[in-house]
Amino acid sequence: MLSGHSWLAWIIIGGIAGAIAKALMPGRDPGGCIITIILGIAGAVVAGYLGQALNLYKPGDPVGFIGAVIGAFIILFIYRMIAGRRGL
């Protein structure tokens, strides 16, 4: 679904989406800035793949960035819940 250059784009978008998700969800992250960026990348890739697979948007559509931010926000939220319980 995602081609080679699309992966690079989603990694870059994911880093930005992770930063935006962090700004929308202030507070202390158990893993720090690097983990937040990695979670943002994961959220962007998952949201991008699902959005395209479900034909919600096509590669390059601006709405894909919104999906990436939402995906990063959800993954960051889940991570905080899990890490908070474990005391990480």
PDB file of N, CA and C in Angstrom:
ATOM      1  N   MET A   1       0.823  -1.192   0.000  1.00  0.00           N
ATOM      2  CA  MET A   1       0.000   0.000   0.000  1.00  0.00           C
ATOM      3  C   MET A   1       0.865   1.254   0.000  1.00  0.00           C
ATOM      4  N   LEU A   2       1.805   1.331   0.944  1.00  0.00           N
ATOM      5  CA  LEU A   2       2.703   2.479   0.990  1.00  0.00           C
ATOM      6  C   LEU A   2       4.003   2.124   0.275  1.00  0.00           C
ATOM      7  N   SER A   3       4.394   2.939  -0.690  1.00  0.00           N
ATOM      8  CA  SER A   3       5.626   2.677  -1.421  1.00  0.00           C
ATOM      9  C   SER A   3       6.836   3.161  -0.622  1.00  0.00           C
ATOM     10  N   GLY A   4       8.021   2.935  -1.170  1.00  0.00           N
ATOM     11  CA  GLY A   4       9.249   3.280  -0.472  1.00  0.00           C
ATOM     12  C   GLY A   4       9.348   4.746  -0.099  1.00  0.00           C
ATOM     13  N   HIS A   5       9.059   5.640  -1.038  1.00  0.00           N
ATOM     14  CA  HIS A   5       9.149   7.062  -0.714  1.00  0.00           C
ATOM     15  C   HIS A   5       8.000   7.494   0.191  1.00  0.00           C
ATOM     16  N   SER A   6       6.893   6.764   0.175  1.00  0.00           N
ATOM     17  CA  SER A   6       5.785   7.074   1.080  1.00  0.00           C
ATOM     18  C   SER A   6       6.179   6.810   2.526  1.00  0.00           C
ATOM     19  N   TRP A   7       6.967   5.759   2.738  1.00  0.00           N
ATOM     20  CA  TRP A   7       7.414   5.450   4.106  1.00  0.00           C
ATOM     21  C   TRP A   7       8.230   6.603   4.667  1.00  0.00           C
ATOM     22  N   LEU A   8       9.130   7.145   3.865  1.00  0.00           N
ATOM     23  CA  LEU A   8       9.949   8.267   4.314  1.00  0.00           C
ATOM     24  C   LEU A   8       9.067   9.474   4.632  1.00  0.00           C
ATOM     25  N   ALA A   9       8.096   9.727   3.788  1.00  0.00           N
ATOM     26  CA  ALA A   9       7.174  10.841   4.029  1.00  0.00           C
ATOM     27  C   ALA A   9       6.397  10.630   5.321  1.00  0.00           C
ATOM     28  N   TRP A  10       5.931   9.394   5.572  1.00  0.00           N
ATOM     29  CA  TRP A  10       5.172   9.125   6.793  1.00  0.00           C
ATOM     30  C   TRP A  10       6.045   9.226   8.033  1.00  0.00           C
ATOM     31  N   ILE A  11       7.330   8.918   7.912  1.00  0.00           N
ATOM     32  CA  ILE A  11       8.241   9.079   9.042  1.00  0.00           C
ATOM     33  C   ILE A  11       8.402  10.563   9.375  1.00  0.00           C
ATOM     34  N   ILE A  12       8.584  11.380   8.363  1.00  0.00           N
ATOM     35  CA  ILE A  12       8.717  12.820   8.580  1.00  0.00           C
ATOM     36  C   ILE A  12       7.412  13.400   9.124  1.00  0.00           C
ATOM     37  N   ILE A  13       6.306  13.053   8.479  1.00  0.00           N
ATOM     38  CA  ILE A  13       4.995  13.515   8.940  1.00  0.00           C
ATOM     39  C   ILE A  13       4.722  13.011  10.351  1.00  0.00           C
ATOM     40  N   GLY A  14       5.120  11.774  10.626  1.00  0.00           N
ATOM     41  CA  GLY A  14       4.930  11.196  11.951  1.00  0.00           C
ATOM     42  C   GLY A  14       5.674  11.942  13.037  1.00  0.00           C
ATOM     43  N   GLY A  15       6.887  12.379  12.734  1.00  0.00           N
ATOM     44  CA  GLY A  15       7.636  13.179  13.705  1.00  0.00           C
ATOM     45  C   GLY A  15       6.925  14.484  14.014  1.00  0.00           C
ATOM     46  N   ILE A  16       6.411  15.123  12.976  1.00  0.00           N
ATOM     47  CA  ILE A  16       5.663  16.368  13.169  1.00  0.00           C
ATOM     48  C   ILE A  16       4.352  16.084  13.897  1.00  0.00           C
ATOM     49  N   ALA A  17       3.665  15.017  13.492  1.00  0.00           N
ATOM     50  CA  ALA A  17       2.402  14.646  14.135  1.00  0.00           C
ATOM     51  C   ALA A  17       2.625  14.312  15.608  1.00  0.00           C
ATOM     52  N   GLY A  18       3.719  13.650  15.925  1.00  0.00           N
ATOM     53  CA  GLY A  18       4.046  13.339  17.313  1.00  0.00           C
ATOM     54  C   GLY A  18       4.253  14.598  18.137  1.00  0.00           C
ATOM     55  N   ALA A  19       4.905  15.581  17.557  1.00  0.00           N
ATOM     56  CA  ALA A  19       5.117  16.851  18.258  1.00  0.00           C
ATOM     57  C   ALA A  19       3.787  17.567  18.489  1.00  0.00           C
ATOM     58  N   ILE A  20       2.917  17.537  17.494  1.00  0.00           N
ATOM     59  CA  ILE A  20       1.601  18.163  17.641  1.00  0.00           C
ATOM     60  C   ILE A  20       0.772  17.417  18.676  1.00  0.00           C
ATOM     61  N   ALA A  21       0.797  16.085  18.639  1.00  0.00           N
ATOM     62  CA  ALA A  21       0.057  15.289  19.624  1.00  0.00           C
ATOM     63  C   ALA A  21       0.565  15.583  21.026  1.00  0.00           C
ATOM     64  N   LYS A  22       1.860  15.742  21.177  1.00  0.00           N
ATOM     65  CA  LYS A  22       2.450  16.071  22.478  1.00  0.00           C
ATOM     66  C   LYS A  22       1.966  17.440  22.944  1.00  0.00           C
ATOM     67  N   ALA A  23       1.872  18.390  22.025  1.00  0.00           N
ATOM     68  CA  ALA A  23       1.396  19.729  22.378  1.00  0.00           C
ATOM     69  C   ALA A  23      -0.079  19.703  22.783  1.00  0.00           C
ATOM     70  N   LEU A  24      -0.857  18.837  22.123  1.00  0.00           N
ATOM     71  CA  LEU A  24      -2.277  18.717  22.445  1.00  0.00           C
ATOM     72  C   LEU A  24      -2.507  17.974  23.753  1.00  0.00           C
ATOM     73  N   MET A  25      -1.535  17.164  24.152  1.00  0.00           N
ATOM     74  CA  MET A  25      -1.645  16.358  25.363  1.00  0.00           C
ATOM     75  C   MET A  25      -0.455  16.681  26.259  1.00  0.00           C
ATOM     76  N   PRO A  26      -0.500  17.854  26.907  1.00  0.00           N
ATOM     77  CA  PRO A  26       0.648  18.223  27.735  1.00  0.00           C
ATOM     78  C   PRO A  26       0.768  17.328  28.962  1.00  0.00           C
ATOM     79  N   GLY A  27       1.918  17.381  29.534  1.00  0.00           N
ATOM     80  CA  GLY A  27       2.197  16.565  30.705  1.00  0.00           C
ATOM     81  C   GLY A  27       3.488  15.807  30.492  1.00  0.00           C
ATOM     82  N   ARG A  28       3.875  15.102  31.515  1.00  0.00           N
ATOM     83  CA  ARG A  28       5.137  14.370  31.464  1.00  0.00           C
ATOM     84  C   ARG A  28       4.927  13.021  30.790  1.00  0.00           C
ATOM     85  N   ASP A  29       5.729  12.746  29.778  1.00  0.00           N
ATOM     86  CA  ASP A  29       5.686  11.456  29.102  1.00  0.00           C
ATOM     87  C   ASP A  29       6.686  10.522  29.750  1.00  0.00           C
ATOM     88  N   PRO A  30       6.269   9.294  30.026  1.00  0.00           N
ATOM     89  CA  PRO A  30       7.166   8.342  30.679  1.00  0.00           C
ATOM     90  C   PRO A  30       8.436   8.052  29.878  1.00  0.00           C
ATOM     91  N   GLY A  31       8.393   8.167  28.556  1.00  0.00           N
ATOM     92  CA  GLY A  31       9.539   7.805  27.749  1.00  0.00           C
ATOM     93  C   GLY A  31      10.363   8.973  27.250  1.00  0.00           C
ATOM     94  N   GLY A  32       9.892  10.182  27.403  1.00  0.00           N
ATOM     95  CA  GLY A  32      10.629  11.339  26.933  1.00  0.00           C
ATOM     96  C   GLY A  32      10.329  11.694  25.492  1.00  0.00           C
ATOM     97  N   CYS A  33      11.091  12.626  24.974  1.00  0.00           N
ATOM     98  CA  CYS A  33      10.859  13.196  23.645  1.00  0.00           C
ATOM     99  C   CYS A  33      11.051  12.170  22.521  1.00  0.00           C
ATOM    100  N   ILE A  34      12.089  11.362  22.610  1.00  0.00           N
ATOM    101  CA  ILE A  34      12.368  10.385  21.548  1.00  0.00           C
ATOM    102  C   ILE A  34      11.238   9.371  21.432  1.00  0.00           C
ATOM    103  N   ILE A  35      10.761   8.872  22.563  1.00  0.00           N
ATOM    104  CA  ILE A  35       9.658   7.910  22.550  1.00  0.00           C
ATOM    105  C   ILE A  35       8.412   8.565  21.970  1.00  0.00           C
ATOM    106  N   THR A  36       8.163   9.829  22.320  1.00  0.00           N
ATOM    107  CA  THR A  36       7.003  10.543  21.791  1.00  0.00           C
ATOM    108  C   THR A  36       7.076  10.645  20.276  1.00  0.00           C
ATOM    109  N   ILE A  37       8.253  10.938  19.747  1.00  0.00           N
ATOM    110  CA  ILE A  37       8.422  11.033  18.292  1.00  0.00           C
ATOM    111  C   ILE A  37       8.220   9.669  17.641  1.00  0.00           C
ATOM    112  N   ILE A  38       8.775   8.626  18.247  1.00  0.00           N
ATOM    113  CA  ILE A  38       8.608   7.273  17.700  1.00  0.00           C
ATOM    114  C   ILE A  38       7.137   6.867  17.716  1.00  0.00           C
ATOM    115  N   LEU A  39       6.443   7.187  18.790  1.00  0.00           N
ATOM    116  CA  LEU A  39       5.007   6.896  18.859  1.00  0.00           C
ATOM    117  C   LEU A  39       4.242   7.711  17.823  1.00  0.00           C
ATOM    118  N   GLY A  40       4.669   8.936  17.586  1.00  0.00           N
ATOM    119  CA  GLY A  40       4.052   9.757  16.547  1.00  0.00           C
ATOM    120  C   GLY A  40       4.238   9.163  15.164  1.00  0.00           C
ATOM    121  N   ILE A  41       5.424   8.655  14.908  1.00  0.00           N
ATOM    122  CA  ILE A  41       5.695   8.003  13.622  1.00  0.00           C
ATOM    123  C   ILE A  41       4.817   6.766  13.479  1.00  0.00           C
ATOM    124  N   ALA A  42       4.739   5.965  14.540  1.00  0.00           N
ATOM    125  CA  ALA A  42       3.902   4.759  14.497  1.00  0.00           C
ATOM    126  C   ALA A  42       2.441   5.123  14.258  1.00  0.00           C
ATOM    127  N   GLY A  43       1.956   6.137  14.953  1.00  0.00           N
ATOM    128  CA  GLY A  43       0.566   6.567  14.766  1.00  0.00           C
ATOM    129  C   GLY A  43       0.305   7.073  13.362  1.00  0.00           C
ATOM    130  N   ALA A  44       1.257   7.809  12.817  1.00  0.00           N
ATOM    131  CA  ALA A  44       1.099   8.334  11.463  1.00  0.00           C
ATOM    132  C   ALA A  44       1.086   7.222  10.428  1.00  0.00           C
ATOM    133  N   VAL A  45       1.975   6.257  10.592  1.00  0.00           N
ATOM    134  CA  VAL A  45       2.041   5.149   9.640  1.00  0.00           C
ATOM    135  C   VAL A  45       0.761   4.314   9.700  1.00  0.00           C
ATOM    136  N   VAL A  46       0.323   3.998  10.921  1.00  0.00           N
ATOM    137  CA  VAL A  46      -0.898   3.195  11.072  1.00  0.00           C
ATOM    138  C   VAL A  46      -2.102   3.955  10.523  1.00  0.00           C
ATOM    139  N   ALA A  47      -2.243   5.226  10.903  1.00  0.00           N
ATOM    140  CA  ALA A  47      -3.371   6.024  10.423  1.00  0.00           C
ATOM    141  C   ALA A  47      -3.310   6.207   8.903  1.00  0.00           C
ATOM    142  N   GLY A  48      -2.120   6.409   8.372  1.00  0.00           N
ATOM    143  CA  GLY A  48      -1.978   6.559   6.922  1.00  0.00           C
ATOM    144  C   GLY A  48      -2.342   5.292   6.179  1.00  0.00           C
ATOM    145  N   TYR A  49      -1.875   4.173   6.690  1.00  0.00           N
ATOM    146  CA  TYR A  49      -2.190   2.893   6.060  1.00  0.00           C
ATOM    147  C   TYR A  49      -3.687   2.606   6.129  1.00  0.00           C
ATOM    148  N   LEU A  50      -4.273   2.771   7.312  1.00  0.00           N
ATOM    149  CA  LEU A  50      -5.700   2.490   7.461  1.00  0.00           C
ATOM    150  C   LEU A  50      -6.563   3.449   6.643  1.00  0.00           C
ATOM    151  N   GLY A  51      -6.215   4.725   6.665  1.00  0.00           N
ATOM    152  CA  GLY A  51      -6.984   5.710   5.901  1.00  0.00           C
ATOM    153  C   GLY A  51      -6.978   5.423   4.412  1.00  0.00           C
ATOM    154  N   GLN A  52      -5.829   5.011   3.899  1.00  0.00           N
ATOM    155  CA  GLN A  52      -5.741   4.684   2.475  1.00  0.00           C
ATOM    156  C   GLN A  52      -6.401   3.343   2.175  1.00  0.00           C
ATOM    157  N   ALA A  53      -6.249   2.368   3.083  1.00  0.00           N
ATOM    158  CA  ALA A  53      -6.854   1.051   2.878  1.00  0.00           C
ATOM    159  C   ALA A  53      -8.380   1.136   2.894  1.00  0.00           C
ATOM    160  N   LEU A  54      -8.910   2.035   3.715  1.00  0.00           N
ATOM    161  CA  LEU A  54     -10.360   2.208   3.804  1.00  0.00           C
ATOM    162  C   LEU A  54     -10.885   3.228   2.793  1.00  0.00           C
ATOM    163  N   ASN A  55     -10.002   3.696   1.922  1.00  0.00           N
ATOM    164  CA  ASN A  55     -10.347   4.689   0.890  1.00  0.00           C
ATOM    165  C   ASN A  55     -10.926   5.971   1.476  1.00  0.00           C
ATOM    166  N   LEU A  56     -10.442   6.358   2.648  1.00  0.00           N
ATOM    167  CA  LEU A  56     -10.869   7.622   3.243  1.00  0.00           C
ATOM    168  C   LEU A  56     -10.170   8.797   2.559  1.00  0.00           C
ATOM    169  N   TYR A  57      -8.972   8.543   2.081  1.00  0.00           N
ATOM    170  CA  TYR A  57      -8.221   9.538   1.344  1.00  0.00           C
ATOM    171  C   TYR A  57      -7.145   8.842   0.528  1.00  0.00           C
ATOM    172  N   LYS A  58      -6.561   9.602  -0.384  1.00  0.00           N
ATOM    173  CA  LYS A  58      -5.517   9.071  -1.263  1.00  0.00           C
ATOM    174  C   LYS A  58      -4.170   9.601  -0.814  1.00  0.00           C
ATOM    175  N   PRO A  59      -3.090   8.937  -1.220  1.00  0.00           N
ATOM    176  CA  PRO A  59      -1.758   9.436  -0.863  1.00  0.00           C
ATOM    177  C   PRO A  59      -1.590  10.892  -1.295  1.00  0.00           C
ATOM    178  N   GLY A  60      -1.064  11.697  -0.406  1.00  0.00           N
ATOM    179  CA  GLY A  60      -0.833  13.104  -0.701  1.00  0.00           C
ATOM    180  C   GLY A  60      -1.979  14.026  -0.332  1.00  0.00           C
ATOM    181  N   ASP A  61      -3.141  13.472   0.029  1.00  0.00           N
ATOM    182  CA  ASP A  61      -4.256  14.316   0.449  1.00  0.00           C
ATOM    183  C   ASP A  61      -3.914  14.985   1.785  1.00  0.00           C
ATOM    184  N   PRO A  62      -4.220  16.272   1.917  1.00  0.00           N
ATOM    185  CA  PRO A  62      -3.921  16.971   3.174  1.00  0.00           C
ATOM    186  C   PRO A  62      -4.624  16.369   4.392  1.00  0.00           C
ATOM    187  N   VAL A  63      -5.768  15.762   4.181  1.00  0.00           N
ATOM    188  CA  VAL A  63      -6.487  15.171   5.303  1.00  0.00           C
ATOM    189  C   VAL A  63      -5.691  14.024   5.930  1.00  0.00           C
ATOM    190  N   GLY A  64      -4.769  13.455   5.190  1.00  0.00           N
ATOM    191  CA  GLY A  64      -3.907  12.405   5.724  1.00  0.00           C
ATOM    192  C   GLY A  64      -3.071  12.902   6.892  1.00  0.00           C
ATOM    193  N   PHE A  65      -2.694  14.170   6.866  1.00  0.00           N
ATOM    194  CA  PHE A  65      -1.925  14.739   7.971  1.00  0.00           C
ATOM    195  C   PHE A  65      -2.781  14.799   9.235  1.00  0.00           C
ATOM    196  N   ILE A  66      -4.043  15.143   9.068  1.00  0.00           N
ATOM    197  CA  ILE A  66      -4.955  15.175  10.217  1.00  0.00           C
ATOM    198  C   ILE A  66      -5.096  13.771  10.794  1.00  0.00           C
ATOM    199  N   GLY A  67      -5.218  12.778   9.925  1.00  0.00           N
ATOM    200  CA  GLY A  67      -5.278  11.387  10.376  1.00  0.00           C
ATOM    201  C   GLY A  67      -4.014  10.985  11.111  1.00  0.00           C
ATOM    202  N   ALA A  68      -2.872  11.469  10.640  1.00  0.00           N
ATOM    203  CA  ALA A  68      -1.597  11.159  11.294  1.00  0.00           C
ATOM    204  C   ALA A  68      -1.545  11.750  12.698  1.00  0.00           C
ATOM    205  N   VAL A  69      -2.014  12.969  12.850  1.00  0.00           N
ATOM    206  CA  VAL A  69      -2.027  13.597  14.178  1.00  0.00           C
ATOM    207  C   VAL A  69      -2.973  12.835  15.108  1.00  0.00           C
ATOM    208  N   ILE A  70      -4.142  12.463  14.602  1.00  0.00           N
ATOM    209  CA  ILE A  70      -5.097  11.703  15.413  1.00  0.00           C
ATOM    210  C   ILE A  70      -4.511  10.350  15.799  1.00  0.00           C
ATOM    211  N   GLY A  71      -3.874   9.672  14.847  1.00  0.00           N
ATOM    212  CA  GLY A  71      -3.231   8.389  15.138  1.00  0.00           C
ATOM    213  C   GLY A  71      -2.132   8.521  16.183  1.00  0.00           C
ATOM    214  N   ALA A  72      -1.315   9.559  16.066  1.00  0.00           N
ATOM    215  CA  ALA A  72      -0.244   9.796  17.032  1.00  0.00           C
ATOM    216  C   ALA A  72      -0.826  10.101  18.414  1.00  0.00           C
ATOM    217  N   PHE A  73      -1.887  10.890  18.444  1.00  0.00           N
ATOM    218  CA  PHE A  73      -2.542  11.235  19.707  1.00  0.00           C
ATOM    219  C   PHE A  73      -3.079   9.981  20.390  1.00  0.00           C
ATOM    220  N   ILE A  74      -3.736   9.117  19.631  1.00  0.00           N
ATOM    221  CA  ILE A  74      -4.307   7.884  20.200  1.00  0.00           C
ATOM    222  C   ILE A  74      -3.207   6.976  20.738  1.00  0.00           C
ATOM    223  N   ILE A  75      -2.148   6.782  19.972  1.00  0.00           N
ATOM    224  CA  ILE A  75      -1.065   5.907  20.428  1.00  0.00           C
ATOM    225  C   ILE A  75      -0.355   6.500  21.643  1.00  0.00           C
ATOM    226  N   LEU A  76      -0.169   7.812  21.659  1.00  0.00           N
ATOM    227  CA  LEU A  76       0.448   8.449  22.819  1.00  0.00           C
ATOM    228  C   LEU A  76      -0.441   8.295  24.051  1.00  0.00           C
ATOM    229  N   PHE A  77      -1.738   8.446  23.880  1.00  0.00           N
ATOM    230  CA  PHE A  77      -2.684   8.274  24.986  1.00  0.00           C
ATOM    231  C   PHE A  77      -2.634   6.854  25.538  1.00  0.00           C
ATOM    232  N   ILE A  78      -2.650   5.878  24.650  1.00  0.00           N
ATOM    233  CA  ILE A  78      -2.588   4.472  25.077  1.00  0.00           C
ATOM    234  C   ILE A  78      -1.265   4.191  25.787  1.00  0.00           C
ATOM    235  N   TYR A  79      -0.179   4.711  25.251  1.00  0.00           N
ATOM    236  CA  TYR A  79       1.133   4.516  25.866  1.00  0.00           C
ATOM    237  C   TYR A  79       1.164   5.095  27.281  1.00  0.00           C
ATOM    238  N   ARG A  80       0.616   6.289  27.438  1.00  0.00           N
ATOM    239  CA  ARG A  80       0.597   6.906  28.765  1.00  0.00           C
ATOM    240  C   ARG A  80      -0.211   6.069  29.749  1.00  0.00           C
ATOM    241  N   MET A  81      -1.321   5.525  29.283  1.00  0.00           N
ATOM    242  CA  MET A  81      -2.146   4.694  30.167  1.00  0.00           C
ATOM    243  C   MET A  81      -1.385   3.444  30.607  1.00  0.00           C
ATOM    244  N   ILE A  82      -0.742   2.784  29.670  1.00  0.00           N
ATOM    245  CA  ILE A  82      -0.004   1.552  29.978  1.00  0.00           C
ATOM    246  C   ILE A  82       1.223   1.852  30.827  1.00  0.00           C
ATOM    247  N   ALA A  83       1.998   2.847  30.428  1.00  0.00           N
ATOM    248  CA  ALA A  83       3.221   3.188  31.156  1.00  0.00           C
ATOM    249  C   ALA A  83       2.891   3.739  32.550  1.00  0.00           C
ATOM    250  N   GLY A  84       1.792   4.455  32.668  1.00  0.00           N
ATOM    251  CA  GLY A  84       1.392   4.996  33.960  1.00  0.00           C
ATOM    252  C   GLY A  84       1.042   3.896  34.953  1.00  0.00           C
ATOM    253  N   ARG A  85       0.422   2.835  34.484  1.00  0.00           N
ATOM    254  CA  ARG A  85       0.070   1.703  35.350  1.00  0.00           C
ATOM    255  C   ARG A  85       1.305   0.948  35.807  1.00  0.00           C
ATOM    256  N   ARG A  86       2.280   0.848  34.921  1.00  0.00           N
ATOM    257  CA  ARG A  86       3.503   0.116  35.228  1.00  0.00           C
ATOM    258  C   ARG A  86       4.507   0.945  35.999  1.00  0.00           C
ATOM    259  N   GLY A  87       4.292   2.250  35.997  1.00  0.00           N
ATOM    260  CA  GLY A  87       5.241   3.134  36.693  1.00  0.00           C
ATOM    261  C   GLY A  87       6.524   3.326  35.919  1.00  0.00           C
ATOM    262  N   LEU A  88       6.465   3.241  34.566  1.00  0.00           N
ATOM    263  CA  LEU A  88       7.662   3.404  33.743  1.00  0.00           C
ATOM    264  C   LEU A  88       8.073   4.852  33.637  1.00  0.00           C
TER     265      LEU A  88
END
